[in-house]
Amino acid sequence: MTPSATRTTTRPAPRPEAGTGAGPAARPPAPGAFARALRRNLTAHGFLIGAVLCFSFFSWYPMVREFLLAFQKTEDGRTTWAGWSNLATVFNDPAIWQAWRNTLLFTLLALLLGFVVPFLVAIVINEFRHGRGYLRLLVYLPVMLPPVASVLLFKYLYDPGHGLFNEILRFLHLPEQQWLQDPDLSLLSVVVASTWMNMGGAVLIYLAALQGIPGELYEAAELDGAGLFRKIWHVTVPQTRLVLLLMLLLQIIATMQVFLEPFLLTGGAGPEGSTLTVVHLIYQYAFNFNDYGAAAALGLVLLVLLAGFSAAYARFSRADDA
């Protein structure tokens, strides 16, 4: 027998897998690792519980309470179930239909001004190569002002005696206007003030969307002979469609809940009820008539309407994306 025939082949022992705890390669957990992991998880769960409690107390509980109040009556400190009587009170009130008409008209005018104007302003600012940051600050400055201060500023500008707008009309030899006292102009005046106060945030969002459009698309449109308006319609609008639709939804929800501007500029209802809105009518039910059930019922109607509109928007958006 040759020496090579008696030689045996030795193989190295298999290395134990990590985490099995067998063999010399396994390492015991570092002292205090479990305590650190426990503290880390407790901190994360603590922040989560705090956020849930805040949402529950300041958002969910008021909605549940409003739903209950819409079907209750409180008289002499006693609360009883009223069924549908609060809704009947609301819909039998003649002011409800005028409030809805004014609210819908305000929403339409706000979309024509507050939705279109910020988009056009963003397009103009985006064309500047220098000073774009200062223009963004200038446009966003009204948003940083306290809303009450901005409304009172416009109340001074609308003053029929020495207001700036009437001074401009006098300089141009045009007839002066009763901006807040004329039923035909009061609602439009409120829309102009609201647009100036709130357009800054929308302009910044539109600017961010415009800066994400590839420049090659505009170059291709110019090679095809497209002018300014054709480039906006065929390049800018399609590329920012999702942002435009989202801002449209937010604009409708915000304008349907307008309260501060009419309340401070025209006292709420305005001349001949021309600026009475649904939210101001809720305010009247609650704090002028002490009828919290009717106020909650009207608020519930507004909530259901806006929730239905948002659900329809979400469904149509998913169908469009598919």
Protein backbone atom coordinates (compact mmCIF):
# COMPACT_ATOMS: atom_id res chain seq x y z
CA MET A 1 0.00 0.00 0.00
CA THR A 2 1.40 3.34 -1.00
CA PRO A 3 1.61 6.27 1.40
CA SER A 4 -0.87 8.25 -0.73
CA ALA A 5 -3.52 5.55 -0.28
CA THR A 6 -3.37 5.75 3.51
CA ARG A 7 -3.64 9.59 3.57
CA THR A 8 -7.00 10.90 4.74
CA THR A 9 -8.47 14.24 3.77
CA THR A 10 -9.43 16.53 6.66
CA ARG A 11 -12.11 19.18 6.21
CA PRO A 12 -12.49 22.24 8.42
CA ALA A 13 -15.36 22.13 10.85
CA PRO A 14 -18.39 24.17 9.67
CA ARG A 15 -18.59 27.66 11.11
CA PRO A 16 -21.67 28.14 13.27
CA GLU A 17 -24.28 30.51 11.84
CA ALA A 18 -24.57 33.93 13.33
CA GLY A 19 -27.24 34.29 15.91
CA THR A 20 -27.46 30.58 16.82
CA GLY A 21 -25.44 31.03 19.98
CA ALA A 22 -23.36 27.85 19.27
CA GLY A 23 -19.63 27.70 18.85
CA PRO A 24 -16.88 30.12 19.74
CA ALA A 25 -18.09 32.74 17.17
CA ALA A 26 -21.25 33.51 19.15
CA ARG A 27 -21.03 36.69 21.21
CA PRO A 28 -23.13 37.35 24.25
CA PRO A 29 -25.30 40.47 24.05
CA ALA A 30 -23.61 43.59 25.27
CA PRO A 31 -24.55 44.53 28.79
CA GLY A 32 -27.36 47.10 28.80
CA ALA A 33 -28.37 46.50 25.16
CA PHE A 34 -31.80 45.24 26.15
CA ALA A 35 -32.34 48.23 28.43
CA ARG A 36 -31.33 50.65 25.66
CA ALA A 37 -33.67 48.98 23.17
CA LEU A 38 -36.49 49.10 25.72
CA ARG A 39 -35.92 52.80 26.41
CA ARG A 40 -35.78 53.54 22.68
CA ASN A 41 -39.06 51.77 22.02
CA LEU A 42 -40.71 53.38 25.03
CA THR A 43 -39.69 56.81 23.78
CA ALA A 44 -41.09 56.13 20.30
CA HIS A 45 -44.33 54.75 21.71
CA GLY A 46 -44.55 57.70 24.09
CA PHE A 47 -44.41 60.18 21.20
CA LEU A 48 -46.97 58.11 19.30
CA ILE A 49 -49.34 57.96 22.25
CA GLY A 50 -48.99 61.72 22.76
CA ALA A 51 -49.89 62.43 19.14
CA VAL A 52 -52.89 60.10 19.29
CA LEU A 53 -54.11 61.77 22.49
CA CYS A 54 -53.77 65.24 20.93
CA PHE A 55 -55.71 64.19 17.83
CA SER A 56 -58.32 62.49 19.97
CA PHE A 57 -58.89 65.45 22.25
CA PHE A 58 -58.66 68.32 19.74
CA SER A 59 -59.97 66.70 16.51
CA TRP A 60 -61.89 63.47 16.97
CA TYR A 61 -63.72 64.29 20.19
CA PRO A 62 -65.13 67.62 18.85
CA MET A 63 -66.41 65.82 15.74
CA VAL A 64 -68.10 63.12 17.80
CA ARG A 65 -69.49 65.75 20.17
CA GLU A 66 -70.85 67.78 17.26
CA PHE A 67 -72.56 64.70 15.86
CA LEU A 68 -74.25 64.07 19.22
CA LEU A 69 -75.23 67.72 19.68
CA ALA A 70 -76.91 67.74 16.26
CA PHE A 71 -79.56 65.38 17.66
CA GLN A 72 -79.89 66.87 21.15
CA LYS A 73 -81.67 69.78 22.82
CA THR A 74 -80.38 71.55 25.92
CA GLU A 75 -82.92 73.53 27.95
CA ASP A 76 -82.54 74.67 31.56
CA GLY A 77 -79.36 72.63 31.86
CA ARG A 78 -81.07 69.40 30.81
CA THR A 79 -80.07 67.60 27.62
CA THR A 80 -82.65 65.51 25.77
CA TRP A 81 -82.69 63.76 22.43
CA ALA A 82 -84.39 65.85 19.78
CA GLY A 83 -84.15 63.55 16.78
CA TRP A 84 -84.38 65.40 13.47
CA SER A 85 -85.92 68.57 14.92
CA ASN A 86 -82.63 70.50 14.80
CA LEU A 87 -82.23 69.75 11.11
CA ALA A 88 -85.86 70.77 10.56
CA THR A 89 -85.17 74.06 12.34
CA VAL A 90 -82.16 74.73 10.13
CA PHE A 91 -83.85 73.95 6.82
CA ASN A 92 -86.99 75.90 7.73
CA ASP A 93 -84.95 79.03 8.39
CA PRO A 94 -85.22 81.43 5.39
CA ALA A 95 -81.66 82.64 6.02
CA ILE A 96 -80.17 79.20 5.30
CA TRP A 97 -80.74 79.43 1.57
CA GLN A 98 -79.27 82.92 1.34
CA ALA A 99 -76.26 81.73 3.36
CA TRP A 100 -75.71 78.79 1.01
CA ARG A 101 -76.10 81.03 -2.04
CA ASN A 102 -73.54 83.51 -0.70
CA THR A 103 -71.15 80.72 0.29
CA LEU A 104 -71.30 79.09 -3.14
CA LEU A 105 -70.91 82.47 -4.86
CA PHE A 106 -67.95 83.29 -2.63
CA THR A 107 -66.39 79.92 -3.51
CA LEU A 108 -66.87 80.55 -7.23
CA LEU A 109 -65.37 84.05 -7.08
CA ALA A 110 -62.52 82.81 -4.89
CA LEU A 111 -61.72 80.10 -7.44
CA LEU A 112 -61.66 82.65 -10.25
CA LEU A 113 -59.31 84.92 -8.30
CA GLY A 114 -57.65 82.92 -5.54
CA PHE A 115 -56.98 79.86 -7.71
CA VAL A 116 -56.00 81.40 -11.05
CA VAL A 117 -54.13 84.52 -9.88
CA PRO A 118 -51.57 82.67 -7.66
CA PHE A 119 -50.78 80.29 -10.51
CA LEU A 120 -50.18 83.17 -12.92
CA VAL A 121 -48.06 85.01 -10.34
CA ALA A 122 -45.98 81.85 -9.83
CA ILE A 123 -45.40 81.58 -13.60
CA VAL A 124 -44.23 85.21 -13.74
CA ILE A 125 -41.87 84.83 -10.76
CA ASN A 126 -40.48 81.60 -12.21
CA GLU A 127 -39.38 83.49 -15.34
CA PHE A 128 -37.08 85.78 -13.34
CA ARG A 129 -33.46 84.74 -13.20
CA HIS A 130 -32.42 87.21 -10.48
CA GLY A 131 -34.23 88.34 -7.38
CA ARG A 132 -36.54 85.33 -7.29
CA GLY A 133 -36.00 84.89 -3.55
CA TYR A 134 -37.00 88.49 -2.80
CA LEU A 135 -40.13 88.11 -4.91
CA ARG A 136 -41.07 84.95 -3.03
CA LEU A 137 -40.66 86.81 0.26
CA LEU A 138 -42.73 89.74 -1.03
CA VAL A 139 -45.56 87.46 -2.13
CA TYR A 140 -45.53 85.43 1.09
CA LEU A 141 -45.39 88.49 3.36
CA PRO A 142 -49.23 88.87 3.69
CA VAL A 143 -49.44 85.30 4.99
CA MET A 144 -47.02 86.15 7.80
CA LEU A 145 -49.17 89.07 8.94
CA PRO A 146 -51.85 88.40 11.57
CA PRO A 147 -55.15 87.77 9.74
CA VAL A 148 -57.01 90.35 11.83
CA ALA A 149 -54.42 93.01 10.97
CA SER A 150 -54.71 92.22 7.26
CA VAL A 151 -58.51 92.43 7.36
CA LEU A 152 -58.44 95.74 9.24
CA LEU A 153 -55.96 97.07 6.67
CA PHE A 154 -58.43 96.30 3.89
CA LYS A 155 -61.22 97.84 5.92
CA TYR A 156 -59.23 101.07 5.90
CA LEU A 157 -58.54 100.73 2.16
CA TYR A 158 -62.27 100.26 1.50
CA ASP A 159 -63.24 103.31 3.57
CA PRO A 160 -65.74 105.33 1.51
CA GLY A 161 -64.31 108.65 2.70
CA HIS A 162 -60.53 108.57 2.60
CA GLY A 163 -59.76 104.98 1.61
CA LEU A 164 -56.97 104.33 -0.87
CA PHE A 165 -59.24 102.70 -3.45
CA ASN A 166 -61.58 105.67 -3.62
CA GLU A 167 -58.60 108.03 -3.71
CA ILE A 168 -57.39 106.20 -6.81
CA LEU A 169 -60.85 106.51 -8.38
CA ARG A 170 -60.85 110.25 -7.65
CA PHE A 171 -57.43 110.61 -9.25
CA LEU A 172 -58.73 108.83 -12.36
CA HIS A 173 -61.92 110.96 -12.33
CA LEU A 174 -64.09 107.88 -11.86
CA PRO A 175 -67.13 107.61 -9.58
CA GLU A 176 -66.42 106.54 -6.02
CA GLN A 177 -67.76 103.23 -4.72
CA GLN A 178 -69.26 102.04 -1.48
CA TRP A 179 -67.15 98.90 -1.39
CA LEU A 180 -68.51 97.32 1.79
CA GLN A 181 -71.86 99.11 1.94
CA ASP A 182 -73.11 98.22 -1.54
CA PRO A 183 -74.82 94.78 -1.67
CA ASP A 184 -73.52 94.28 -5.22
CA LEU A 185 -69.87 94.96 -4.29
CA SER A 186 -69.53 93.76 -0.71
CA LEU A 187 -69.01 90.07 -1.45
CA LEU A 188 -66.51 90.77 -4.24
CA SER A 189 -64.62 93.12 -1.92
CA VAL A 190 -64.38 90.35 0.67
CA VAL A 191 -63.07 87.93 -1.98
CA VAL A 192 -60.33 90.39 -3.03
CA ALA A 193 -59.19 90.82 0.58
CA SER A 194 -59.22 87.06 1.19
CA THR A 195 -57.23 86.41 -2.00
CA TRP A 196 -54.53 88.91 -1.05
CA MET A 197 -54.25 87.45 2.45
CA ASN A 198 -53.95 83.78 1.48
CA MET A 199 -52.31 83.61 -1.96
CA GLY A 200 -48.71 83.49 -0.71
CA GLY A 201 -48.73 79.83 0.29
CA ALA A 202 -50.32 78.76 -2.99
CA VAL A 203 -47.72 80.74 -4.97
CA LEU A 204 -44.85 78.94 -3.22
CA ILE A 205 -46.42 75.53 -3.87
CA TYR A 206 -46.91 76.37 -7.54
CA LEU A 207 -43.32 77.62 -7.78
CA ALA A 208 -42.01 74.34 -6.41
CA ALA A 209 -44.06 72.45 -9.00
CA LEU A 210 -42.91 74.70 -11.85
CA GLN A 211 -39.23 74.29 -10.99
CA GLY A 212 -39.63 70.52 -11.35
CA ILE A 213 -40.63 70.76 -15.03
CA PRO A 214 -37.76 69.73 -17.35
CA GLY A 215 -36.50 72.60 -19.48
CA GLU A 216 -36.28 70.29 -22.52
CA LEU A 217 -40.07 70.33 -22.79
CA TYR A 218 -40.12 74.11 -23.22
CA GLU A 219 -37.26 73.93 -25.72
CA ALA A 220 -39.14 71.33 -27.75
CA ALA A 221 -42.26 73.50 -27.66
CA GLU A 222 -40.28 76.50 -28.90
CA LEU A 223 -38.86 74.44 -31.77
CA ASP A 224 -42.43 73.56 -32.72
CA GLY A 225 -43.27 77.26 -32.85
CA ALA A 226 -45.33 77.42 -29.66
CA GLY A 227 -45.85 80.83 -28.14
CA LEU A 228 -46.13 81.77 -24.47
CA PHE A 229 -49.77 80.81 -23.98
CA ARG A 230 -49.41 77.55 -25.90
CA LYS A 231 -46.41 76.57 -23.77
CA ILE A 232 -48.40 77.29 -20.63
CA TRP A 233 -51.42 75.32 -21.85
CA HIS A 234 -49.60 72.34 -23.39
CA VAL A 235 -46.54 72.08 -21.09
CA THR A 236 -47.03 73.89 -17.78
CA VAL A 237 -50.61 72.89 -17.03
CA PRO A 238 -50.21 69.15 -17.84
CA GLN A 239 -46.96 68.91 -15.86
CA THR A 240 -48.54 70.51 -12.78
CA ARG A 241 -51.95 68.85 -13.10
CA LEU A 242 -51.78 66.88 -9.85
CA VAL A 243 -50.74 69.94 -7.85
CA LEU A 244 -53.48 72.02 -9.48
CA LEU A 245 -56.14 69.45 -8.63
CA LEU A 246 -54.97 69.19 -5.03
CA MET A 247 -54.93 72.96 -4.61
CA LEU A 248 -58.40 73.13 -6.16
CA LEU A 249 -59.72 70.73 -3.53
CA LEU A 250 -58.06 72.63 -0.68
CA GLN A 251 -59.33 75.93 -2.07
CA ILE A 252 -62.93 74.73 -2.17
CA ILE A 253 -62.76 73.32 1.36
CA ALA A 254 -61.24 76.54 2.71
CA THR A 255 -63.62 78.93 0.95
CA MET A 256 -66.70 76.96 1.96
CA GLN A 257 -65.70 77.64 5.59
CA VAL A 258 -65.00 81.37 5.25
CA PHE A 259 -65.84 83.35 8.38
CA LEU A 260 -63.15 85.83 9.48
CA GLU A 261 -63.15 88.17 6.47
CA PRO A 262 -66.94 88.79 6.26
CA PHE A 263 -67.21 88.99 10.05
CA LEU A 264 -64.61 91.77 10.37
CA LEU A 265 -65.25 93.64 7.12
CA THR A 266 -69.06 93.72 7.02
CA GLY A 267 -70.09 92.57 10.49
CA GLY A 268 -70.95 89.09 9.22
CA ALA A 269 -74.21 89.39 7.30
CA GLY A 270 -73.33 92.60 5.47
CA PRO A 271 -75.75 94.91 3.68
CA GLU A 272 -79.03 93.11 2.99
CA GLY A 273 -77.40 89.82 4.01
CA SER A 274 -75.06 89.91 1.00
CA THR A 275 -72.08 88.43 2.89
CA LEU A 276 -73.91 86.00 5.18
CA THR A 277 -72.14 82.63 4.96
CA VAL A 278 -72.93 79.19 6.32
CA VAL A 279 -70.23 79.34 9.00
CA HIS A 280 -71.44 82.75 10.14
CA LEU A 281 -74.96 81.37 10.39
CA ILE A 282 -73.57 78.58 12.60
CA TYR A 283 -71.99 81.29 14.73
CA GLN A 284 -75.34 83.07 15.01
CA TYR A 285 -77.17 79.91 16.04
CA ALA A 286 -74.62 79.15 18.74
CA PHE A 287 -73.74 82.54 20.23
CA ASN A 288 -76.64 84.82 19.29
CA PHE A 289 -79.59 82.43 19.62
CA ASN A 290 -77.99 79.98 22.13
CA ASP A 291 -79.23 77.10 20.00
CA TYR A 292 -76.23 74.79 20.00
CA GLY A 293 -78.25 71.91 18.57
CA ALA A 294 -79.14 73.86 15.42
CA ALA A 295 -75.55 75.10 15.12
CA ALA A 296 -74.22 71.54 15.38
CA ALA A 297 -76.82 70.31 12.88
CA LEU A 298 -75.81 72.92 10.30
CA GLY A 299 -72.14 72.15 10.95
CA LEU A 300 -72.88 68.46 10.39
CA VAL A 301 -74.52 69.26 7.05
CA LEU A 302 -71.45 71.23 5.99
CA LEU A 303 -69.17 68.41 7.16
CA VAL A 304 -71.08 65.78 5.18
CA LEU A 305 -71.07 67.96 2.07
CA LEU A 306 -67.31 68.59 2.18
CA ALA A 307 -66.57 64.95 3.04
CA GLY A 308 -68.67 63.78 0.09
CA PHE A 309 -66.91 66.20 -2.23
CA SER A 310 -63.49 65.04 -0.99
CA ALA A 311 -64.45 61.37 -1.45
CA ALA A 312 -65.69 62.02 -4.99
CA TYR A 313 -62.48 63.89 -5.77
CA ALA A 314 -60.35 61.01 -4.44
CA ARG A 315 -62.31 58.46 -6.47
CA PHE A 316 -62.09 60.42 -9.71
CA SER A 317 -58.37 61.02 -9.12
CA ARG A 318 -57.72 57.28 -8.74
CA ALA A 319 -59.74 56.55 -11.88
CA ASP A 320 -57.81 59.21 -13.78
CA ASP A 321 -54.44 57.86 -12.63
CA ALA A 322 -55.45 54.31 -13.59
